[in-house]
Amino acid sequence: MATLTLNYDGRNTLIKSILRSAVLAGATQVATKKFSPLDEALEDVKLGRVTTIHTPKQWQKR
Protein backbone atom coordinates (compact mmCIF):
# COMPACT_ATOMS: atom_id res chain seq x y z
CA MET A 1 0.00 0.00 0.00
CA ALA A 2 1.28 3.48 -0.84
CA THR A 3 0.42 6.89 0.53
CA LEU A 4 0.47 9.92 -1.74
CA THR A 5 0.40 13.57 -0.76
CA LEU A 6 -0.99 15.86 -3.43
CA ASN A 7 -0.87 19.63 -3.63
CA TYR A 8 -3.36 21.15 -6.04
CA ASP A 9 -5.52 24.19 -6.60
CA GLY A 10 -8.87 23.41 -4.98
CA ARG A 11 -10.63 25.60 -7.55
CA ASN A 12 -9.44 23.41 -10.44
CA THR A 13 -12.52 21.37 -11.40
CA LEU A 14 -10.56 18.97 -13.64
CA ILE A 15 -8.26 17.88 -10.81
CA LYS A 16 -11.22 17.56 -8.43
CA SER A 17 -13.07 15.29 -10.88
CA ILE A 18 -9.94 13.15 -11.41
CA LEU A 19 -9.57 12.73 -7.65
CA ARG A 20 -13.28 11.86 -7.29
CA SER A 21 -12.82 9.21 -10.01
CA ALA A 22 -9.83 7.76 -8.17
CA VAL A 23 -11.86 7.51 -4.96
CA LEU A 24 -14.72 5.82 -6.84
CA ALA A 25 -12.21 3.36 -8.33
CA GLY A 26 -11.17 2.23 -4.86
CA ALA A 27 -8.63 4.70 -3.57
CA THR A 28 -9.28 5.84 -0.04
CA GLN A 29 -9.32 9.45 0.98
CA VAL A 30 -7.23 9.93 4.10
CA ALA A 31 -7.37 13.60 4.93
CA THR A 32 -8.27 16.93 3.40
CA LYS A 33 -7.32 20.42 4.47
CA LYS A 34 -10.05 22.98 4.94
CA PHE A 35 -8.75 26.52 4.60
CA SER A 36 -10.51 29.59 5.91
CA PRO A 37 -10.93 32.42 3.38
CA LEU A 38 -8.06 34.28 5.03
CA ASP A 39 -5.78 31.24 4.80
CA GLU A 40 -6.71 30.81 1.12
CA ALA A 41 -5.87 34.47 0.44
CA LEU A 42 -2.52 34.18 2.21
CA GLU A 43 -1.74 31.01 0.25
CA ASP A 44 -2.58 32.82 -3.02
CA VAL A 45 -0.17 35.62 -2.12
CA LYS A 46 2.53 33.16 -1.08
CA LEU A 47 2.28 31.20 -4.36
CA GLY A 48 2.25 34.35 -6.50
CA ARG A 49 -1.34 34.06 -7.76
CA VAL A 50 -2.06 37.60 -6.53
CA THR A 51 -0.13 40.44 -8.11
CA THR A 52 -1.75 43.51 -6.52
CA ILE A 53 -2.95 44.09 -2.97
CA HIS A 54 -5.23 47.08 -2.40
CA THR A 55 -5.24 48.79 0.96
CA PRO A 56 -8.28 50.69 2.31
CA LYS A 57 -6.60 54.04 1.54
CA GLN A 58 -6.36 53.09 -2.14
CA TRP A 59 -10.14 52.39 -2.24
CA GLN A 60 -11.08 55.89 -1.06
CA LYS A 61 -12.16 58.34 -3.74
CA ARG A 62 -9.93 61.35 -4.23
C-alpha atoms as a PDB file:
ATOM      1  CA  MET A   1       0.000   0.000   0.000  1.00  0.00           C
ATOM      2  CA  ALA A   2       1.278   3.477  -0.841  1.00  0.00           C
ATOM      3  CA  THR A   3       0.422   6.889   0.529  1.00  0.00           C
ATOM      4  CA  LEU A   4       0.474   9.922  -1.743  1.00  0.00           C
ATOM      5  CA  THR A   5       0.400  13.566  -0.756  1.00  0.00           C
ATOM      6  CA  LEU A   6      -0.993  15.865  -3.432  1.00  0.00           C
ATOM      7  CA  ASN A   7      -0.867  19.635  -3.627  1.00  0.00           C
ATOM      8  CA  TYR A   8      -3.357  21.151  -6.040  1.00  0.00           C
ATOM      9  CA  ASP A   9      -5.521  24.189  -6.596  1.00  0.00           C
ATOM     10  CA  GLY A  10      -8.875  23.415  -4.985  1.00  0.00           C
ATOM     11  CA  ARG A  11     -10.635  25.597  -7.546  1.00  0.00           C
ATOM     12  CA  ASN A  12      -9.444  23.405 -10.436  1.00  0.00           C
ATOM     13  CA  THR A  13     -12.516  21.368 -11.402  1.00  0.00           C
ATOM     14  CA  LEU A  14     -10.564  18.975 -13.639  1.00  0.00           C
ATOM     15  CA  ILE A  15      -8.259  17.877 -10.811  1.00  0.00           C
ATOM     16  CA  LYS A  16     -11.219  17.556  -8.434  1.00  0.00           C
ATOM     17  CA  SER A  17     -13.073  15.286 -10.878  1.00  0.00           C
ATOM     18  CA  ILE A  18      -9.944  13.147 -11.409  1.00  0.00           C
ATOM     19  CA  LEU A  19      -9.575  12.731  -7.645  1.00  0.00           C
ATOM     20  CA  ARG A  20     -13.280  11.855  -7.295  1.00  0.00           C
ATOM     21  CA  SER A  21     -12.824   9.207 -10.014  1.00  0.00           C
ATOM     22  CA  ALA A  22      -9.834   7.758  -8.175  1.00  0.00           C
ATOM     23  CA  VAL A  23     -11.857   7.511  -4.959  1.00  0.00           C
ATOM     24  CA  LEU A  24     -14.718   5.825  -6.836  1.00  0.00           C
ATOM     25  CA  ALA A  25     -12.212   3.361  -8.329  1.00  0.00           C
ATOM     26  CA  GLY A  26     -11.169   2.226  -4.864  1.00  0.00           C
ATOM     27  CA  ALA A  27      -8.626   4.701  -3.570  1.00  0.00           C
ATOM     28  CA  THR A  28      -9.279   5.841  -0.036  1.00  0.00           C
ATOM     29  CA  GLN A  29      -9.319   9.449   0.979  1.00  0.00           C
ATOM     30  CA  VAL A  30      -7.225   9.926   4.102  1.00  0.00           C
ATOM     31  CA  ALA A  31      -7.366  13.604   4.931  1.00  0.00           C
ATOM     32  CA  THR A  32      -8.270  16.929   3.399  1.00  0.00           C
ATOM     33  CA  LYS A  33      -7.324  20.419   4.468  1.00  0.00           C
ATOM     34  CA  LYS A  34     -10.046  22.982   4.938  1.00  0.00           C
ATOM     35  CA  PHE A  35      -8.750  26.517   4.596  1.00  0.00           C
ATOM     36  CA  SER A  36     -10.513  29.586   5.905  1.00  0.00           C
ATOM     37  CA  PRO A  37     -10.933  32.423   3.385  1.00  0.00           C
ATOM     38  CA  LEU A  38      -8.058  34.281   5.029  1.00  0.00           C
ATOM     39  CA  ASP A  39      -5.775  31.236   4.796  1.00  0.00           C
ATOM     40  CA  GLU A  40      -6.706  30.813   1.116  1.00  0.00           C
ATOM     41  CA  ALA A  41      -5.874  34.467   0.443  1.00  0.00           C
ATOM     42  CA  LEU A  42      -2.519  34.177   2.215  1.00  0.00           C
ATOM     43  CA  GLU A  43      -1.740  31.011   0.252  1.00  0.00           C
ATOM     44  CA  ASP A  44      -2.584  32.818  -3.020  1.00  0.00           C
ATOM     45  CA  VAL A  45      -0.171  35.623  -2.116  1.00  0.00           C
ATOM     46  CA  LYS A  46       2.532  33.159  -1.081  1.00  0.00           C
ATOM     47  CA  LEU A  47       2.277  31.204  -4.356  1.00  0.00           C
ATOM     48  CA  GLY A  48       2.245  34.352  -6.496  1.00  0.00           C
ATOM     49  CA  ARG A  49      -1.342  34.057  -7.757  1.00  0.00           C
ATOM     50  CA  VAL A  50      -2.058  37.602  -6.529  1.00  0.00           C
ATOM     51  CA  THR A  51      -0.128  40.436  -8.108  1.00  0.00           C
ATOM     52  CA  THR A  52      -1.755  43.512  -6.517  1.00  0.00           C
ATOM     53  CA  ILE A  53      -2.954  44.088  -2.971  1.00  0.00           C
ATOM     54  CA  HIS A  54      -5.230  47.080  -2.404  1.00  0.00           C
ATOM     55  CA  THR A  55      -5.236  48.795   0.957  1.00  0.00           C
ATOM     56  CA  PRO A  56      -8.280  50.691   2.306  1.00  0.00           C
ATOM     57  CA  LYS A  57      -6.602  54.041   1.542  1.00  0.00           C
ATOM     58  CA  GLN A  58      -6.365  53.087  -2.137  1.00  0.00           C
ATOM     59  CA  TRP A  59     -10.141  52.393  -2.238  1.00  0.00           C
ATOM     60  CA  GLN A  60     -11.081  55.889  -1.062  1.00  0.00           C
ATOM     61  CA  LYS A  61     -12.155  58.339  -3.735  1.00  0.00           C
ATOM     62  CA  ARG A  62      -9.934  61.348  -4.229  1.00  0.00           C
END
